[in-house]
């Protein structure tokens, strides 16, 4: 399986899980995903993020995915690579998910 297929499969799991997990849990995961898929970011960082996300979403059942907390080392290291464009893209997607599945809107 090539990298693009793996990335699409991972995104599918992340987006499905995000609808159930909520914005607070989904936002750091999506931020990491978008840093991972940005080819201008360091390869070593992108590989570390890929390993982290694959471990989180490896199980067939995505009902129990451990939360990614702000103190997580992968997230902390990646923080300086999260651009305003990545944040805006993430917030836009989460806003759409929230508006479809909740009476409340995001931002």
N, C-alpha and C. Protein backbone atom coordinates (compact mmCIF):
# COMPACT_ATOMS: atom_id res chain seq x y z
N UNK A 1 0.85 -1.18 0.00
CA UNK A 1 0.00 0.00 0.00
C UNK A 1 0.90 1.24 0.00
N UNK A 2 0.58 2.20 -0.86
CA UNK A 2 1.43 3.38 -0.93
C UNK A 2 1.05 4.41 0.12
N UNK A 3 1.87 5.43 0.22
CA UNK A 3 1.69 6.45 1.26
C UNK A 3 0.38 7.21 1.11
N UNK A 4 -0.02 7.50 -0.11
CA UNK A 4 -1.26 8.24 -0.34
C UNK A 4 -2.46 7.43 0.13
N UNK A 5 -2.50 6.13 -0.20
CA UNK A 5 -3.59 5.28 0.27
C UNK A 5 -3.62 5.19 1.79
N UNK A 6 -2.46 5.06 2.40
CA UNK A 6 -2.36 5.00 3.86
C UNK A 6 -2.87 6.30 4.48
N UNK A 7 -2.48 7.42 3.90
CA UNK A 7 -2.90 8.71 4.41
C UNK A 7 -4.42 8.88 4.28
N UNK A 8 -4.99 8.45 3.16
CA UNK A 8 -6.44 8.55 2.97
C UNK A 8 -7.18 7.66 3.96
N UNK A 9 -6.66 6.46 4.19
CA UNK A 9 -7.29 5.54 5.14
C UNK A 9 -7.23 6.13 6.56
N UNK A 10 -6.09 6.69 6.90
CA UNK A 10 -5.94 7.31 8.22
C UNK A 10 -6.88 8.50 8.35
N UNK A 11 -6.98 9.34 7.32
CA UNK A 11 -7.89 10.48 7.37
C UNK A 11 -9.33 10.02 7.54
N UNK A 12 -9.69 8.95 6.88
CA UNK A 12 -11.04 8.41 7.00
C UNK A 12 -11.34 8.03 8.45
N UNK A 13 -10.40 7.36 9.10
CA UNK A 13 -10.58 6.97 10.50
C UNK A 13 -10.63 8.19 11.41
N UNK A 14 -9.76 9.16 11.16
CA UNK A 14 -9.73 10.37 11.99
C UNK A 14 -11.04 11.13 11.87
N UNK A 15 -11.53 11.32 10.66
CA UNK A 15 -12.76 12.10 10.49
C UNK A 15 -13.97 11.39 11.06
N UNK A 16 -14.02 10.07 10.92
CA UNK A 16 -15.13 9.30 11.50
C UNK A 16 -15.10 9.40 13.02
N UNK A 17 -13.92 9.22 13.59
CA UNK A 17 -13.77 9.29 15.04
C UNK A 17 -14.06 10.69 15.55
N UNK A 18 -13.66 11.72 14.80
CA UNK A 18 -13.83 13.11 15.23
C UNK A 18 -15.29 13.48 15.43
N UNK A 19 -16.16 12.91 14.63
CA UNK A 19 -17.59 13.21 14.77
C UNK A 19 -18.12 12.74 16.12
N UNK A 20 -17.52 11.68 16.66
CA UNK A 20 -17.96 11.17 17.96
C UNK A 20 -17.15 11.71 19.12
N UNK A 21 -15.90 12.03 18.88
CA UNK A 21 -15.01 12.43 19.97
C UNK A 21 -15.22 13.86 20.42
N UNK A 22 -15.62 14.71 19.52
CA UNK A 22 -15.80 16.11 19.86
C UNK A 22 -14.61 16.96 19.47
N UNK A 23 -14.83 18.25 19.42
CA UNK A 23 -13.85 19.21 18.95
C UNK A 23 -12.58 19.22 19.80
N UNK A 24 -12.74 19.20 21.10
CA UNK A 24 -11.58 19.30 22.00
C UNK A 24 -10.61 18.14 21.80
N UNK A 25 -11.13 16.95 21.56
CA UNK A 25 -10.27 15.79 21.35
C UNK A 25 -9.76 15.71 19.92
N UNK A 26 -10.59 16.11 18.98
CA UNK A 26 -10.25 15.96 17.57
C UNK A 26 -9.26 17.01 17.06
N UNK A 27 -9.30 18.21 17.61
CA UNK A 27 -8.48 19.30 17.08
C UNK A 27 -6.98 18.98 17.07
N UNK A 28 -6.37 18.53 18.18
CA UNK A 28 -4.93 18.25 18.13
C UNK A 28 -4.59 17.11 17.17
N UNK A 29 -5.48 16.14 17.04
CA UNK A 29 -5.24 15.02 16.13
C UNK A 29 -5.25 15.53 14.69
N UNK A 30 -6.22 16.36 14.36
CA UNK A 30 -6.29 16.90 12.99
C UNK A 30 -5.12 17.83 12.70
N UNK A 31 -4.72 18.63 13.67
CA UNK A 31 -3.56 19.49 13.47
C UNK A 31 -2.32 18.65 13.13
N UNK A 32 -2.12 17.59 13.88
CA UNK A 32 -0.99 16.70 13.61
C UNK A 32 -1.10 16.08 12.22
N UNK A 33 -2.29 15.67 11.84
CA UNK A 33 -2.48 15.05 10.53
C UNK A 33 -2.07 16.02 9.43
N UNK A 34 -2.49 17.28 9.54
CA UNK A 34 -2.17 18.25 8.50
C UNK A 34 -0.69 18.62 8.49
N UNK A 35 -0.03 18.62 9.64
CA UNK A 35 1.43 18.81 9.66
C UNK A 35 2.09 17.62 8.98
N UNK A 36 1.60 16.42 9.26
CA UNK A 36 2.18 15.20 8.67
C UNK A 36 2.06 15.20 7.14
N UNK A 37 0.98 15.70 6.61
CA UNK A 37 0.77 15.66 5.17
C UNK A 37 1.39 16.84 4.44
N UNK A 38 1.96 17.79 5.17
CA UNK A 38 2.62 18.95 4.56
C UNK A 38 4.06 18.56 4.21
N UNK A 39 4.35 18.44 2.93
CA UNK A 39 5.66 17.98 2.50
C UNK A 39 6.78 19.00 2.74
N UNK A 40 6.44 20.22 3.15
CA UNK A 40 7.48 21.20 3.47
C UNK A 40 8.01 21.02 4.88
N UNK A 41 7.35 20.20 5.68
CA UNK A 41 7.79 19.96 7.06
C UNK A 41 8.89 18.89 7.06
N UNK A 42 9.73 18.87 8.09
CA UNK A 42 10.82 17.89 8.15
C UNK A 42 10.31 16.45 8.11
N UNK A 43 10.97 15.63 7.30
CA UNK A 43 10.57 14.24 7.13
C UNK A 43 10.57 13.47 8.45
N UNK A 44 11.57 13.73 9.27
CA UNK A 44 11.66 13.04 10.56
C UNK A 44 10.44 13.33 11.45
N UNK A 45 10.00 14.58 11.45
CA UNK A 45 8.81 14.97 12.21
C UNK A 45 7.57 14.30 11.63
N UNK A 46 7.43 14.33 10.31
CA UNK A 46 6.26 13.73 9.67
C UNK A 46 6.19 12.22 9.94
N UNK A 47 7.35 11.57 9.96
CA UNK A 47 7.39 10.13 10.25
C UNK A 47 6.97 9.86 11.70
N UNK A 48 7.42 10.69 12.63
CA UNK A 48 7.04 10.53 14.04
C UNK A 48 5.54 10.71 14.22
N UNK A 49 4.97 11.70 13.54
CA UNK A 49 3.53 11.93 13.62
C UNK A 49 2.78 10.75 13.02
N UNK A 50 3.25 10.24 11.88
CA UNK A 50 2.60 9.10 11.24
C UNK A 50 2.58 7.89 12.17
N UNK A 51 3.70 7.63 12.85
CA UNK A 51 3.76 6.51 13.80
C UNK A 51 2.75 6.71 14.94
N UNK A 52 2.70 7.94 15.45
CA UNK A 52 1.80 8.24 16.57
C UNK A 52 0.34 8.04 16.15
N UNK A 53 -0.03 8.60 15.01
CA UNK A 53 -1.42 8.48 14.56
C UNK A 53 -1.78 7.05 14.19
N UNK A 54 -0.85 6.33 13.58
CA UNK A 54 -1.12 4.92 13.26
C UNK A 54 -1.36 4.11 14.52
N UNK A 55 -0.56 4.36 15.56
CA UNK A 55 -0.77 3.65 16.82
C UNK A 55 -2.14 3.99 17.42
N UNK A 56 -2.51 5.27 17.33
CA UNK A 56 -3.79 5.69 17.91
C UNK A 56 -4.97 5.05 17.19
N UNK A 57 -4.87 4.91 15.88
CA UNK A 57 -6.00 4.44 15.10
C UNK A 57 -5.77 3.06 14.50
N UNK A 58 -4.88 2.27 15.10
CA UNK A 58 -4.55 0.96 14.55
C UNK A 58 -5.66 -0.07 14.75
N UNK A 59 -6.37 0.02 15.83
CA UNK A 59 -7.41 -0.98 16.12
C UNK A 59 -8.53 -0.88 15.09
N UNK A 60 -9.16 -2.02 14.84
CA UNK A 60 -10.29 -2.04 13.91
C UNK A 60 -11.45 -1.21 14.44
N UNK A 61 -11.64 -1.23 15.74
CA UNK A 61 -12.68 -0.44 16.36
C UNK A 61 -12.10 0.90 16.78
N UNK A 62 -12.70 1.98 16.29
CA UNK A 62 -12.18 3.29 16.66
C UNK A 62 -13.01 3.92 17.77
N UNK A 63 -13.75 3.07 18.49
CA UNK A 63 -14.56 3.58 19.59
C UNK A 63 -13.69 4.03 20.75
N UNK A 64 -12.58 3.34 20.97
CA UNK A 64 -11.72 3.67 22.09
C UNK A 64 -10.36 4.10 21.54
N UNK A 65 -10.22 5.38 21.31
CA UNK A 65 -8.96 5.95 20.86
C UNK A 65 -8.43 6.82 21.98
N UNK A 66 -7.21 6.58 22.42
CA UNK A 66 -6.68 7.40 23.52
C UNK A 66 -6.61 8.86 23.13
N UNK A 67 -6.89 9.71 24.07
CA UNK A 67 -6.85 11.16 23.81
C UNK A 67 -5.42 11.62 23.63
N UNK A 68 -5.25 12.59 22.79
CA UNK A 68 -3.96 13.21 22.59
C UNK A 68 -3.96 14.48 23.41
N UNK A 69 -3.19 14.49 24.45
CA UNK A 69 -3.22 15.63 25.37
C UNK A 69 -2.19 16.67 24.96
N UNK A 70 -2.38 17.89 25.41
CA UNK A 70 -1.48 18.98 25.05
C UNK A 70 -0.04 18.70 25.46
N UNK A 71 0.17 17.94 26.52
CA UNK A 71 1.51 17.63 26.99
C UNK A 71 2.19 16.51 26.22
N UNK A 72 1.50 15.93 25.26
CA UNK A 72 2.07 14.84 24.47
C UNK A 72 3.32 15.33 23.75
N UNK A 73 4.39 14.54 23.80
CA UNK A 73 5.66 14.99 23.24
C UNK A 73 5.59 15.22 21.73
N UNK A 74 4.90 14.36 20.99
CA UNK A 74 4.78 14.55 19.55
C UNK A 74 4.05 15.84 19.23
N UNK A 75 2.97 16.09 19.96
CA UNK A 75 2.22 17.33 19.74
C UNK A 75 3.06 18.55 20.12
N UNK A 76 3.77 18.47 21.23
CA UNK A 76 4.59 19.60 21.69
C UNK A 76 5.68 19.95 20.68
N UNK A 77 6.34 18.95 20.16
CA UNK A 77 7.40 19.18 19.17
C UNK A 77 6.81 19.74 17.88
N UNK A 78 5.63 19.27 17.51
CA UNK A 78 4.99 19.69 16.26
C UNK A 78 4.40 21.08 16.34
N UNK A 79 4.17 21.57 17.53
CA UNK A 79 3.46 22.84 17.72
C UNK A 79 4.07 23.99 16.91
N UNK A 80 5.40 24.05 16.83
CA UNK A 80 6.02 25.17 16.11
C UNK A 80 5.84 25.06 14.59
N UNK A 81 5.41 23.90 14.10
CA UNK A 81 5.19 23.71 12.67
C UNK A 81 3.72 23.89 12.27
N UNK A 82 2.87 24.18 13.24
CA UNK A 82 1.45 24.38 12.95
C UNK A 82 1.26 25.83 12.53
N UNK A 83 0.98 26.01 11.26
CA UNK A 83 0.82 27.35 10.69
C UNK A 83 -0.61 27.85 10.88
N UNK A 84 -0.83 29.14 10.73
CA UNK A 84 -2.21 29.66 10.78
C UNK A 84 -3.11 29.01 9.72
N UNK A 85 -2.54 28.67 8.56
CA UNK A 85 -3.33 28.02 7.51
C UNK A 85 -3.79 26.63 7.96
N UNK A 86 -2.91 25.89 8.63
CA UNK A 86 -3.28 24.57 9.15
C UNK A 86 -4.36 24.71 10.21
N UNK A 87 -4.21 25.69 11.10
CA UNK A 87 -5.23 25.92 12.12
C UNK A 87 -6.56 26.30 11.50
N UNK A 88 -6.54 27.16 10.49
CA UNK A 88 -7.76 27.58 9.83
C UNK A 88 -8.44 26.41 9.13
N UNK A 89 -7.66 25.58 8.46
CA UNK A 89 -8.22 24.40 7.78
C UNK A 89 -8.86 23.45 8.78
N UNK A 90 -8.17 23.20 9.88
CA UNK A 90 -8.68 22.33 10.93
C UNK A 90 -9.97 22.88 11.52
N UNK A 91 -9.97 24.16 11.87
CA UNK A 91 -11.16 24.77 12.46
C UNK A 91 -12.34 24.76 11.50
N UNK A 92 -12.07 24.94 10.23
CA UNK A 92 -13.13 24.91 9.22
C UNK A 92 -13.77 23.52 9.16
N UNK A 93 -12.95 22.50 9.13
CA UNK A 93 -13.47 21.12 9.08
C UNK A 93 -14.23 20.80 10.35
N UNK A 94 -13.66 21.14 11.49
CA UNK A 94 -14.34 20.85 12.75
C UNK A 94 -15.64 21.65 12.88
N UNK A 95 -15.65 22.86 12.35
CA UNK A 95 -16.87 23.66 12.36
C UNK A 95 -17.98 23.01 11.56
N UNK A 96 -17.62 22.46 10.40
CA UNK A 96 -18.63 21.75 9.60
C UNK A 96 -19.11 20.49 10.30
N UNK A 97 -18.20 19.74 10.89
CA UNK A 97 -18.61 18.51 11.59
C UNK A 97 -19.52 18.85 12.76
N UNK A 98 -19.16 19.89 13.50
CA UNK A 98 -19.95 20.29 14.66
C UNK A 98 -21.33 20.77 14.24
N UNK A 99 -21.41 21.53 13.19
CA UNK A 99 -22.72 22.06 12.77
C UNK A 99 -23.64 20.95 12.27
N UNK A 100 -23.07 19.87 11.74
CA UNK A 100 -23.89 18.75 11.29
C UNK A 100 -24.40 17.90 12.44
N UNK A 101 -23.62 17.82 13.51
CA UNK A 101 -23.91 16.85 14.56
C UNK A 101 -24.22 17.47 15.91
N UNK A 102 -24.44 18.77 15.95
CA UNK A 102 -24.68 19.42 17.23
C UNK A 102 -25.50 20.68 17.01
N UNK A 103 -26.30 21.05 18.00
CA UNK A 103 -27.02 22.32 17.89
C UNK A 103 -26.11 23.53 18.08
N UNK A 104 -24.87 23.29 18.50
CA UNK A 104 -23.92 24.36 18.74
C UNK A 104 -22.97 24.47 17.56
N UNK A 105 -22.49 25.65 17.30
CA UNK A 105 -21.52 25.81 16.22
C UNK A 105 -20.14 26.02 16.81
N UNK A 106 -19.12 25.74 16.02
CA UNK A 106 -17.74 25.90 16.44
C UNK A 106 -17.23 27.21 15.90
N UNK A 107 -16.79 28.10 16.77
CA UNK A 107 -16.26 29.43 16.43
C UNK A 107 -17.30 30.18 15.69
